[in-house]
Amino acid sequence: MPENSVSADLQTGSDKMVEWTDFERDTIKDIFSRIEYDVVGPAALARCLVVYPWTQRYFGGFGNLYNAAAIKGNPMVSKHGTTIMHSLDRAVKNLDDIENTYTELSVLHSEKLHVDPDNFKLLADCLTIVVAAQLGKEFTGEVQAAFQKFLAVVVSSLGRQYH
């Protein structure tokens, strides 16, 4: 399957199952086995809330989000960041059925929380930056491509209810 057809299928909401190479499967599993969820998740969510302040509107019950220091030190942001990582772990364990794995979360975020689906992409970008910083030189172009393909599938699955 050509690389660009994956993103085209994801953008159009195609029901085709995503094909994973052995390298991609191994890489995704390796990344998630090496990162600390309670460090990476909070850092990625905090980065998202700082860099894209409009995303804060979905976290009104989290208390003080007035500046970067408050966001980084907020225990609710930290807890939710860790929760996000554990949710991503579900996708890692269900690579061949990510769409169905996230059906309930897609409904929750679209119908109850009314989260703009573009925010999933923003968070995925922030997560990529945090993981790249943690893995350093080991986060090669090939590793990044596999990781971002995984995140694109997750983002598409979370946004499915919106289509």
N, C-alpha and C. Protein backbone atom coordinates (compact mmCIF):
# COMPACT_ATOMS: atom_id res chain seq x y z
N MET A 1 0.86 -1.18 0.00
CA MET A 1 0.00 0.00 0.00
C MET A 1 0.90 1.23 0.00
N PRO A 2 0.77 2.11 -0.97
CA PRO A 2 1.60 3.31 -1.00
C PRO A 2 1.35 4.18 0.22
N GLU A 3 2.43 4.83 0.68
CA GLU A 3 2.34 5.64 1.90
C GLU A 3 1.23 6.68 1.84
N ASN A 4 1.13 7.39 0.73
CA ASN A 4 0.15 8.46 0.67
C ASN A 4 -1.28 7.97 0.67
N SER A 5 -1.53 6.70 0.32
CA SER A 5 -2.90 6.20 0.34
C SER A 5 -3.39 5.99 1.76
N VAL A 6 -2.49 5.75 2.70
CA VAL A 6 -2.89 5.61 4.10
C VAL A 6 -3.51 6.91 4.58
N SER A 7 -2.80 8.01 4.39
CA SER A 7 -3.34 9.28 4.87
C SER A 7 -4.59 9.67 4.09
N ALA A 8 -4.65 9.35 2.81
CA ALA A 8 -5.86 9.67 2.04
C ALA A 8 -7.04 8.88 2.56
N ASP A 9 -6.85 7.60 2.86
CA ASP A 9 -7.92 6.78 3.41
C ASP A 9 -8.36 7.31 4.76
N LEU A 10 -7.41 7.73 5.59
CA LEU A 10 -7.75 8.23 6.91
C LEU A 10 -8.53 9.53 6.81
N GLN A 11 -8.15 10.38 5.89
CA GLN A 11 -8.82 11.66 5.75
C GLN A 11 -10.23 11.51 5.20
N THR A 12 -10.46 10.52 4.36
CA THR A 12 -11.78 10.34 3.77
C THR A 12 -12.66 9.43 4.61
N GLY A 13 -12.11 8.89 5.70
CA GLY A 13 -12.89 8.03 6.56
C GLY A 13 -13.12 6.66 5.97
N SER A 14 -12.22 6.21 5.13
CA SER A 14 -12.35 4.91 4.52
C SER A 14 -12.42 3.82 5.57
N ASP A 15 -13.22 2.81 5.30
CA ASP A 15 -13.36 1.70 6.25
C ASP A 15 -12.31 0.63 6.02
N LYS A 16 -11.40 0.84 5.10
CA LYS A 16 -10.34 -0.14 4.86
C LYS A 16 -9.51 -0.32 6.10
N MET A 17 -9.15 -1.56 6.36
CA MET A 17 -8.28 -1.82 7.48
C MET A 17 -6.88 -1.32 7.15
N VAL A 18 -6.27 -0.70 8.10
CA VAL A 18 -4.92 -0.19 7.89
C VAL A 18 -3.96 -1.36 7.86
N GLU A 19 -3.03 -1.32 6.95
CA GLU A 19 -2.02 -2.36 6.87
C GLU A 19 -0.77 -1.89 7.58
N TRP A 20 -0.25 -2.73 8.45
CA TRP A 20 0.96 -2.41 9.22
C TRP A 20 2.08 -3.33 8.76
N THR A 21 3.24 -2.75 8.52
CA THR A 21 4.41 -3.58 8.25
C THR A 21 4.91 -4.14 9.57
N ASP A 22 5.74 -5.16 9.50
CA ASP A 22 6.33 -5.70 10.72
C ASP A 22 7.15 -4.63 11.44
N PHE A 23 7.87 -3.81 10.66
CA PHE A 23 8.65 -2.74 11.26
C PHE A 23 7.76 -1.78 12.03
N GLU A 24 6.64 -1.39 11.42
CA GLU A 24 5.72 -0.46 12.09
C GLU A 24 5.17 -1.06 13.37
N ARG A 25 4.72 -2.30 13.31
CA ARG A 25 4.19 -2.97 14.50
C ARG A 25 5.24 -3.02 15.61
N ASP A 26 6.42 -3.46 15.25
CA ASP A 26 7.50 -3.58 16.24
C ASP A 26 7.88 -2.22 16.81
N THR A 27 7.95 -1.23 15.96
CA THR A 27 8.34 0.12 16.38
C THR A 27 7.32 0.71 17.35
N ILE A 28 6.05 0.60 17.00
CA ILE A 28 4.99 1.15 17.86
C ILE A 28 5.02 0.46 19.23
N LYS A 29 5.11 -0.85 19.22
CA LYS A 29 5.14 -1.59 20.49
C LYS A 29 6.39 -1.24 21.29
N ASP A 30 7.52 -1.07 20.60
CA ASP A 30 8.77 -0.72 21.28
C ASP A 30 8.67 0.67 21.94
N ILE A 31 8.14 1.62 21.21
CA ILE A 31 8.00 2.98 21.77
C ILE A 31 7.16 2.94 23.04
N PHE A 32 6.02 2.28 22.98
CA PHE A 32 5.13 2.27 24.14
C PHE A 32 5.67 1.43 25.29
N SER A 33 6.57 0.51 24.99
CA SER A 33 7.17 -0.28 26.08
C SER A 33 8.27 0.50 26.80
N ARG A 34 8.78 1.54 26.15
CA ARG A 34 9.92 2.29 26.69
C ARG A 34 9.56 3.61 27.35
N ILE A 35 8.43 4.17 27.01
CA ILE A 35 8.10 5.49 27.56
C ILE A 35 7.35 5.34 28.88
N GLU A 36 7.52 6.36 29.72
CA GLU A 36 6.82 6.39 30.99
C GLU A 36 5.52 7.16 30.79
N TYR A 37 4.42 6.47 30.90
CA TYR A 37 3.11 7.08 30.64
C TYR A 37 2.85 8.29 31.53
N ASP A 38 3.27 8.18 32.80
CA ASP A 38 2.99 9.27 33.73
C ASP A 38 3.95 10.45 33.59
N VAL A 39 4.87 10.38 32.65
CA VAL A 39 5.74 11.50 32.32
C VAL A 39 5.36 12.06 30.94
N VAL A 40 5.26 11.17 29.97
CA VAL A 40 5.00 11.57 28.59
C VAL A 40 3.58 12.13 28.42
N GLY A 41 2.59 11.45 28.98
CA GLY A 41 1.21 11.90 28.83
C GLY A 41 0.98 13.30 29.40
N PRO A 42 1.35 13.53 30.66
CA PRO A 42 1.18 14.87 31.22
C PRO A 42 1.96 15.94 30.45
N ALA A 43 3.18 15.61 30.01
CA ALA A 43 3.98 16.58 29.26
C ALA A 43 3.32 16.93 27.93
N ALA A 44 2.78 15.92 27.23
CA ALA A 44 2.13 16.16 25.94
C ALA A 44 0.85 16.98 26.11
N LEU A 45 0.03 16.62 27.09
CA LEU A 45 -1.21 17.37 27.30
C LEU A 45 -0.92 18.80 27.74
N ALA A 46 0.04 18.96 28.64
CA ALA A 46 0.40 20.31 29.09
C ALA A 46 0.91 21.14 27.91
N ARG A 47 1.74 20.56 27.07
CA ARG A 47 2.25 21.26 25.88
C ARG A 47 1.09 21.70 25.00
N CYS A 48 0.14 20.81 24.79
CA CYS A 48 -1.02 21.13 23.96
C CYS A 48 -1.81 22.30 24.54
N LEU A 49 -2.04 22.28 25.84
CA LEU A 49 -2.81 23.33 26.48
C LEU A 49 -2.09 24.68 26.49
N VAL A 50 -0.76 24.64 26.51
CA VAL A 50 0.03 25.88 26.49
C VAL A 50 0.15 26.42 25.07
N VAL A 51 0.50 25.57 24.13
CA VAL A 51 0.74 26.00 22.75
C VAL A 51 -0.56 26.36 22.04
N TYR A 52 -1.61 25.63 22.35
CA TYR A 52 -2.92 25.85 21.73
C TYR A 52 -3.93 26.19 22.83
N PRO A 53 -3.87 27.41 23.36
CA PRO A 53 -4.68 27.76 24.54
C PRO A 53 -6.18 27.58 24.36
N TRP A 54 -6.68 27.63 23.13
CA TRP A 54 -8.12 27.44 22.92
C TRP A 54 -8.57 26.03 23.29
N THR A 55 -7.62 25.08 23.36
CA THR A 55 -8.00 23.72 23.76
C THR A 55 -8.36 23.64 25.24
N GLN A 56 -8.00 24.66 25.99
CA GLN A 56 -8.30 24.68 27.43
C GLN A 56 -9.79 24.71 27.72
N ARG A 57 -10.60 25.15 26.77
CA ARG A 57 -12.04 25.28 27.03
C ARG A 57 -12.69 23.96 27.39
N TYR A 58 -12.06 22.85 27.03
CA TYR A 58 -12.62 21.53 27.35
C TYR A 58 -12.21 21.07 28.75
N PHE A 59 -11.41 21.86 29.42
CA PHE A 59 -10.88 21.47 30.72
C PHE A 59 -11.26 22.47 31.80
N GLY A 60 -12.43 23.05 31.68
CA GLY A 60 -12.89 24.07 32.62
C GLY A 60 -12.92 23.61 34.06
N GLY A 61 -13.14 22.34 34.28
CA GLY A 61 -13.20 21.81 35.64
C GLY A 61 -11.84 21.48 36.22
N PHE A 62 -10.79 21.78 35.49
CA PHE A 62 -9.44 21.42 35.94
C PHE A 62 -8.80 22.48 36.82
N GLY A 63 -9.48 23.57 37.06
CA GLY A 63 -8.93 24.61 37.92
C GLY A 63 -7.99 25.54 37.19
N ASN A 64 -6.90 25.91 37.86
CA ASN A 64 -5.97 26.92 37.39
C ASN A 64 -5.20 26.47 36.14
N LEU A 65 -5.54 27.09 35.02
CA LEU A 65 -4.82 26.87 33.76
C LEU A 65 -4.38 28.22 33.18
N TYR A 66 -4.04 29.17 34.08
CA TYR A 66 -3.80 30.55 33.68
C TYR A 66 -2.47 30.79 32.99
N ASN A 67 -1.50 29.92 33.21
CA ASN A 67 -0.20 30.09 32.55
C ASN A 67 0.50 28.74 32.46
N ALA A 68 1.64 28.71 31.79
CA ALA A 68 2.34 27.44 31.56
C ALA A 68 2.71 26.74 32.86
N ALA A 69 3.18 27.50 33.84
CA ALA A 69 3.58 26.88 35.11
C ALA A 69 2.37 26.25 35.81
N ALA A 70 1.24 26.94 35.78
CA ALA A 70 0.03 26.41 36.41
C ALA A 70 -0.43 25.14 35.70
N ILE A 71 -0.37 25.15 34.38
CA ILE A 71 -0.79 23.98 33.60
C ILE A 71 0.12 22.80 33.89
N LYS A 72 1.43 23.02 33.85
CA LYS A 72 2.39 21.94 34.09
C LYS A 72 2.29 21.38 35.50
N GLY A 73 1.90 22.22 36.45
CA GLY A 73 1.80 21.78 37.84
C GLY A 73 0.42 21.32 38.25
N ASN A 74 -0.53 21.32 37.32
CA ASN A 74 -1.90 20.97 37.62
C ASN A 74 -2.06 19.45 37.71
N PRO A 75 -2.45 18.91 38.88
CA PRO A 75 -2.56 17.46 39.03
C PRO A 75 -3.64 16.84 38.15
N MET A 76 -4.67 17.60 37.81
CA MET A 76 -5.72 17.06 36.93
C MET A 76 -5.24 16.94 35.49
N VAL A 77 -4.41 17.88 35.07
CA VAL A 77 -3.80 17.78 33.73
C VAL A 77 -2.90 16.56 33.70
N SER A 78 -2.11 16.40 34.74
CA SER A 78 -1.19 15.27 34.82
C SER A 78 -1.96 13.94 34.78
N LYS A 79 -3.01 13.86 35.57
CA LYS A 79 -3.79 12.62 35.62
C LYS A 79 -4.43 12.31 34.28
N HIS A 80 -4.99 13.33 33.63
CA HIS A 80 -5.63 13.10 32.34
C HIS A 80 -4.61 12.74 31.26
N GLY A 81 -3.43 13.34 31.32
CA GLY A 81 -2.36 12.97 30.39
C GLY A 81 -1.99 11.50 30.51
N THR A 82 -1.92 11.01 31.74
CA THR A 82 -1.63 9.60 31.97
C THR A 82 -2.77 8.73 31.46
N THR A 83 -4.00 9.17 31.68
CA THR A 83 -5.17 8.44 31.18
C THR A 83 -5.12 8.33 29.66
N ILE A 84 -4.75 9.41 29.00
CA ILE A 84 -4.64 9.39 27.53
C ILE A 84 -3.63 8.34 27.09
N MET A 85 -2.50 8.26 27.78
CA MET A 85 -1.47 7.28 27.40
C MET A 85 -1.99 5.85 27.58
N HIS A 86 -2.73 5.61 28.65
CA HIS A 86 -3.29 4.26 28.85
C HIS A 86 -4.33 3.94 27.78
N SER A 87 -5.04 4.96 27.33
CA SER A 87 -5.98 4.77 26.24
C SER A 87 -5.24 4.43 24.94
N LEU A 88 -4.13 5.11 24.70
CA LEU A 88 -3.32 4.79 23.52
C LEU A 88 -2.77 3.37 23.60
N ASP A 89 -2.48 2.93 24.80
CA ASP A 89 -1.99 1.56 25.00
C ASP A 89 -3.03 0.55 24.50
N ARG A 90 -4.29 0.88 24.65
CA ARG A 90 -5.36 0.00 24.13
C ARG A 90 -5.24 -0.13 22.62
N ALA A 91 -4.90 0.95 21.94
CA ALA A 91 -4.73 0.90 20.49
C ALA A 91 -3.52 0.07 20.11
N VAL A 92 -2.44 0.20 20.88
CA VAL A 92 -1.24 -0.59 20.62
C VAL A 92 -1.56 -2.08 20.70
N LYS A 93 -2.40 -2.45 21.65
CA LYS A 93 -2.77 -3.86 21.84
C LYS A 93 -3.81 -4.32 20.83
N ASN A 94 -4.42 -3.40 20.11
CA ASN A 94 -5.46 -3.72 19.13
C ASN A 94 -5.18 -3.06 17.78
N LEU A 95 -3.95 -3.17 17.32
CA LEU A 95 -3.54 -2.48 16.09
C LEU A 95 -4.43 -2.80 14.89
N ASP A 96 -4.99 -4.01 14.85
CA ASP A 96 -5.80 -4.38 13.71
C ASP A 96 -7.27 -4.01 13.86
N ASP A 97 -7.62 -3.37 14.97
CA ASP A 97 -9.01 -2.98 15.18
C ASP A 97 -9.10 -1.70 16.01
N ILE A 98 -8.27 -0.73 15.68
CA ILE A 98 -8.25 0.52 16.43
C ILE A 98 -9.59 1.24 16.32
N GLU A 99 -10.19 1.20 15.15
CA GLU A 99 -11.46 1.90 14.95
C GLU A 99 -12.51 1.45 15.96
N ASN A 100 -12.70 0.15 16.08
CA ASN A 100 -13.69 -0.37 17.03
C ASN A 100 -13.25 -0.19 18.47
N THR A 101 -11.95 -0.21 18.70
CA THR A 101 -11.42 0.01 20.05
C THR A 101 -11.83 1.38 20.57
N TYR A 102 -11.95 2.35 19.68
CA TYR A 102 -12.25 3.73 20.08
C TYR A 102 -13.69 4.17 19.80
N THR A 103 -14.57 3.25 19.50
CA THR A 103 -15.96 3.63 19.22
C THR A 103 -16.58 4.40 20.38
N GLU A 104 -16.48 3.87 21.60
CA GLU A 104 -17.08 4.53 22.76
C GLU A 104 -16.44 5.89 23.03
N LEU A 105 -15.13 5.97 22.93
CA LEU A 105 -14.45 7.25 23.16
C LEU A 105 -14.83 8.28 22.10
N SER A 106 -15.02 7.83 20.87
CA SER A 106 -15.43 8.74 19.81
C SER A 106 -16.81 9.31 20.11
N VAL A 107 -17.73 8.46 20.52
CA VAL A 107 -19.08 8.92 20.87
C VAL A 107 -19.01 9.88 22.06
N LEU A 108 -18.26 9.53 23.09
CA LEU A 108 -18.13 10.39 24.27
C LEU A 108 -17.62 11.78 23.89
N HIS A 109 -16.53 11.82 23.12
CA HIS A 109 -15.91 13.10 22.78
C HIS A 109 -16.76 13.92 21.82
N SER A 110 -17.52 13.26 20.96
CA SER A 110 -18.34 14.03 20.01
C SER A 110 -19.69 14.42 20.58
N GLU A 111 -20.38 13.50 21.23
CA GLU A 111 -21.75 13.76 21.64
C GLU A 111 -21.89 14.35 23.05
N LYS A 112 -21.03 13.96 23.97
CA LYS A 112 -21.15 14.47 25.33
C LYS A 112 -20.21 15.65 25.59
N LEU A 113 -18.96 15.49 25.20
CA LEU A 113 -17.96 16.52 25.50
C LEU A 113 -17.87 17.59 24.40
N HIS A 114 -18.33 17.26 23.20
CA HIS A 114 -18.32 18.19 22.06
C HIS A 114 -16.93 18.74 21.77
N VAL A 115 -15.96 17.85 21.79
CA VAL A 115 -14.57 18.22 21.52
C VAL A 115 -14.38 18.37 20.01
N ASP A 116 -13.77 19.46 19.62
CA ASP A 116 -13.42 19.68 18.21
C ASP A 116 -12.43 18.59 17.81
N PRO A 117 -12.73 17.78 16.79
CA PRO A 117 -11.84 16.68 16.43
C PRO A 117 -10.44 17.12 15.99
N ASP A 118 -10.29 18.38 15.58
CA ASP A 118 -8.95 18.87 15.23
C ASP A 118 -8.02 18.87 16.45
N ASN A 119 -8.59 18.92 17.63
CA ASN A 119 -7.77 18.91 18.84
C ASN A 119 -7.04 17.58 19.03
N PHE A 120 -7.60 16.50 18.52
CA PHE A 120 -6.91 15.21 18.59
C PHE A 120 -5.60 15.27 17.80
N LYS A 121 -5.65 15.95 16.65
CA LYS A 121 -4.45 16.10 15.83
C LYS A 121 -3.40 16.96 16.54
N LEU A 122 -3.87 18.02 17.18
CA LEU A 122 -2.95 18.90 17.91
C LEU A 122 -2.26 18.14 19.04
N LEU A 123 -3.03 17.35 19.77
CA LEU A 123 -2.46 16.56 20.86
C LEU A 123 -1.49 15.52 20.30
N ALA A 124 -1.83 14.91 19.18
CA ALA A 124 -0.94 13.92 18.56
C ALA A 124 0.39 14.56 18.17
N ASP A 125 0.34 15.78 17.65
CA ASP A 125 1.57 16.49 17.30
C ASP A 125 2.42 16.76 18.55
N CYS A 126 1.75 17.18 19.62
CA CYS A 126 2.48 17.45 20.87
C CYS A 126 3.07 16.16 21.43
N LEU A 127 2.33 15.08 21.33
CA LEU A 127 2.84 13.79 21.80
C LEU A 127 4.06 13.36 20.99
N THR A 128 4.03 13.59 19.69
CA THR A 128 5.18 13.25 18.85
C THR A 128 6.42 14.02 19.29
N ILE A 129 6.26 15.29 19.59
CA ILE A 129 7.39 16.12 20.04
C ILE A 129 7.95 15.59 21.35
N VAL A 130 7.08 15.26 22.29
CA VAL A 130 7.53 14.78 23.60
C VAL A 130 8.24 13.43 23.47
N VAL A 131 7.67 12.54 22.68
CA VAL A 131 8.30 11.23 22.48
C VAL A 131 9.64 11.39 21.75
N ALA A 132 9.69 12.26 20.76
CA ALA A 132 10.95 12.50 20.04
C ALA A 132 12.02 13.01 20.99
N ALA A 133 11.64 13.91 21.87
CA ALA A 133 12.61 14.45 22.83
C ALA A 133 13.10 13.36 23.77
N GLN A 134 12.21 12.48 24.17
CA GLN A 134 12.59 11.42 25.10
C GLN A 134 13.48 10.37 24.42
N LEU A 135 13.18 10.04 23.17
CA LEU A 135 13.95 8.99 22.50
C LEU A 135 15.22 9.51 21.83
N GLY A 136 15.29 10.81 21.60
CA GLY A 136 16.51 11.40 21.04
C GLY A 136 16.87 10.84 19.68
N LYS A 137 18.15 10.46 19.51
CA LYS A 137 18.66 9.98 18.23
C LYS A 137 17.94 8.73 17.73
N GLU A 138 17.33 7.99 18.64
CA GLU A 138 16.62 6.77 18.25
C GLU A 138 15.31 7.07 17.54
N PHE A 139 14.85 8.31 17.62
CA PHE A 139 13.61 8.71 16.95
C PHE A 139 13.96 9.14 15.53
N THR A 140 14.33 8.15 14.73
CA THR A 140 14.74 8.37 13.34
C THR A 140 13.52 8.73 12.49
N GLY A 141 13.76 9.10 11.27
CA GLY A 141 12.66 9.39 10.35
C GLY A 141 11.72 8.21 10.18
N GLU A 142 12.28 7.01 10.10
CA GLU A 142 11.46 5.82 9.93
C GLU A 142 10.62 5.55 11.17
N VAL A 143 11.20 5.75 12.34
CA VAL A 143 10.47 5.57 13.60
C VAL A 143 9.35 6.61 13.70
N GLN A 144 9.69 7.85 13.36
CA GLN A 144 8.69 8.91 13.39
C GLN A 144 7.54 8.59 12.44
N ALA A 145 7.84 8.12 11.25
CA ALA A 145 6.79 7.80 10.28
C ALA A 145 5.85 6.73 10.83
N ALA A 146 6.39 5.70 11.45
CA ALA A 146 5.56 4.64 12.02
C ALA A 146 4.70 5.18 13.16
N PHE A 147 5.31 6.01 14.02
CA PHE A 147 4.60 6.58 15.16
C PHE A 147 3.48 7.51 14.69
N GLN A 148 3.78 8.34 13.71
CA GLN A 148 2.77 9.27 13.22
C GLN A 148 1.67 8.55 12.45
N LYS A 149 1.98 7.47 11.78
CA LYS A 149 0.95 6.67 11.12
C LYS A 149 0.00 6.11 12.19
N PHE A 150 0.57 5.59 13.26
CA PHE A 150 -0.23 5.07 14.37
C PHE A 150 -1.15 6.16 14.92
N LEU A 151 -0.58 7.32 15.20
CA LEU A 151 -1.38 8.42 15.76
C LEU A 151 -2.45 8.88 14.77
N ALA A 152 -2.15 8.88 13.49
CA ALA A 152 -3.14 9.27 12.48
C ALA A 152 -4.33 8.30 12.48
N VAL A 153 -4.06 7.02 12.67
CA VAL A 153 -5.13 6.03 12.73
C VAL A 153 -5.97 6.26 13.99
N VAL A 154 -5.32 6.54 15.10
CA VAL A 154 -6.03 6.82 16.36
C VAL A 154 -6.89 8.08 16.20
N VAL A 155 -6.31 9.14 15.67
CA VAL A 155 -7.04 10.40 15.48
C VAL A 155 -8.25 10.17 14.58
N SER A 156 -8.06 9.44 13.49
CA SER A 156 -9.16 9.15 12.58
C SER A 156 -10.26 8.36 13.30
N SER A 157 -9.87 7.40 14.11
CA SER A 157 -10.84 6.58 14.84
C SER A 157 -11.59 7.39 15.87
N LEU A 158 -10.89 8.27 16.56
CA LEU A 158 -11.56 9.13 17.54
C LEU A 158 -12.53 10.10 16.86
N GLY A 159 -12.20 10.52 15.66
CA GLY A 159 -13.04 11.46 14.94
C GLY A 159 -14.13 10.81 14.11
N ARG A 160 -14.18 9.51 14.11
CA ARG A 160 -15.13 8.77 13.27
C ARG A 160 -16.58 9.17 13.54
N GLN A 161 -16.95 9.37 14.78
CA GLN A 161 -18.33 9.69 15.15
C GLN A 161 -18.76 11.04 14.55
N TYR A 162 -17.81 11.87 14.23
CA TYR A 162 -18.10 13.20 13.71
C TYR A 162 -18.51 13.16 12.23
N HIS A 163 -18.16 12.07 11.56
CA HIS A 163 -18.39 12.00 10.10
C HIS A 163 -19.83 11.69 9.79
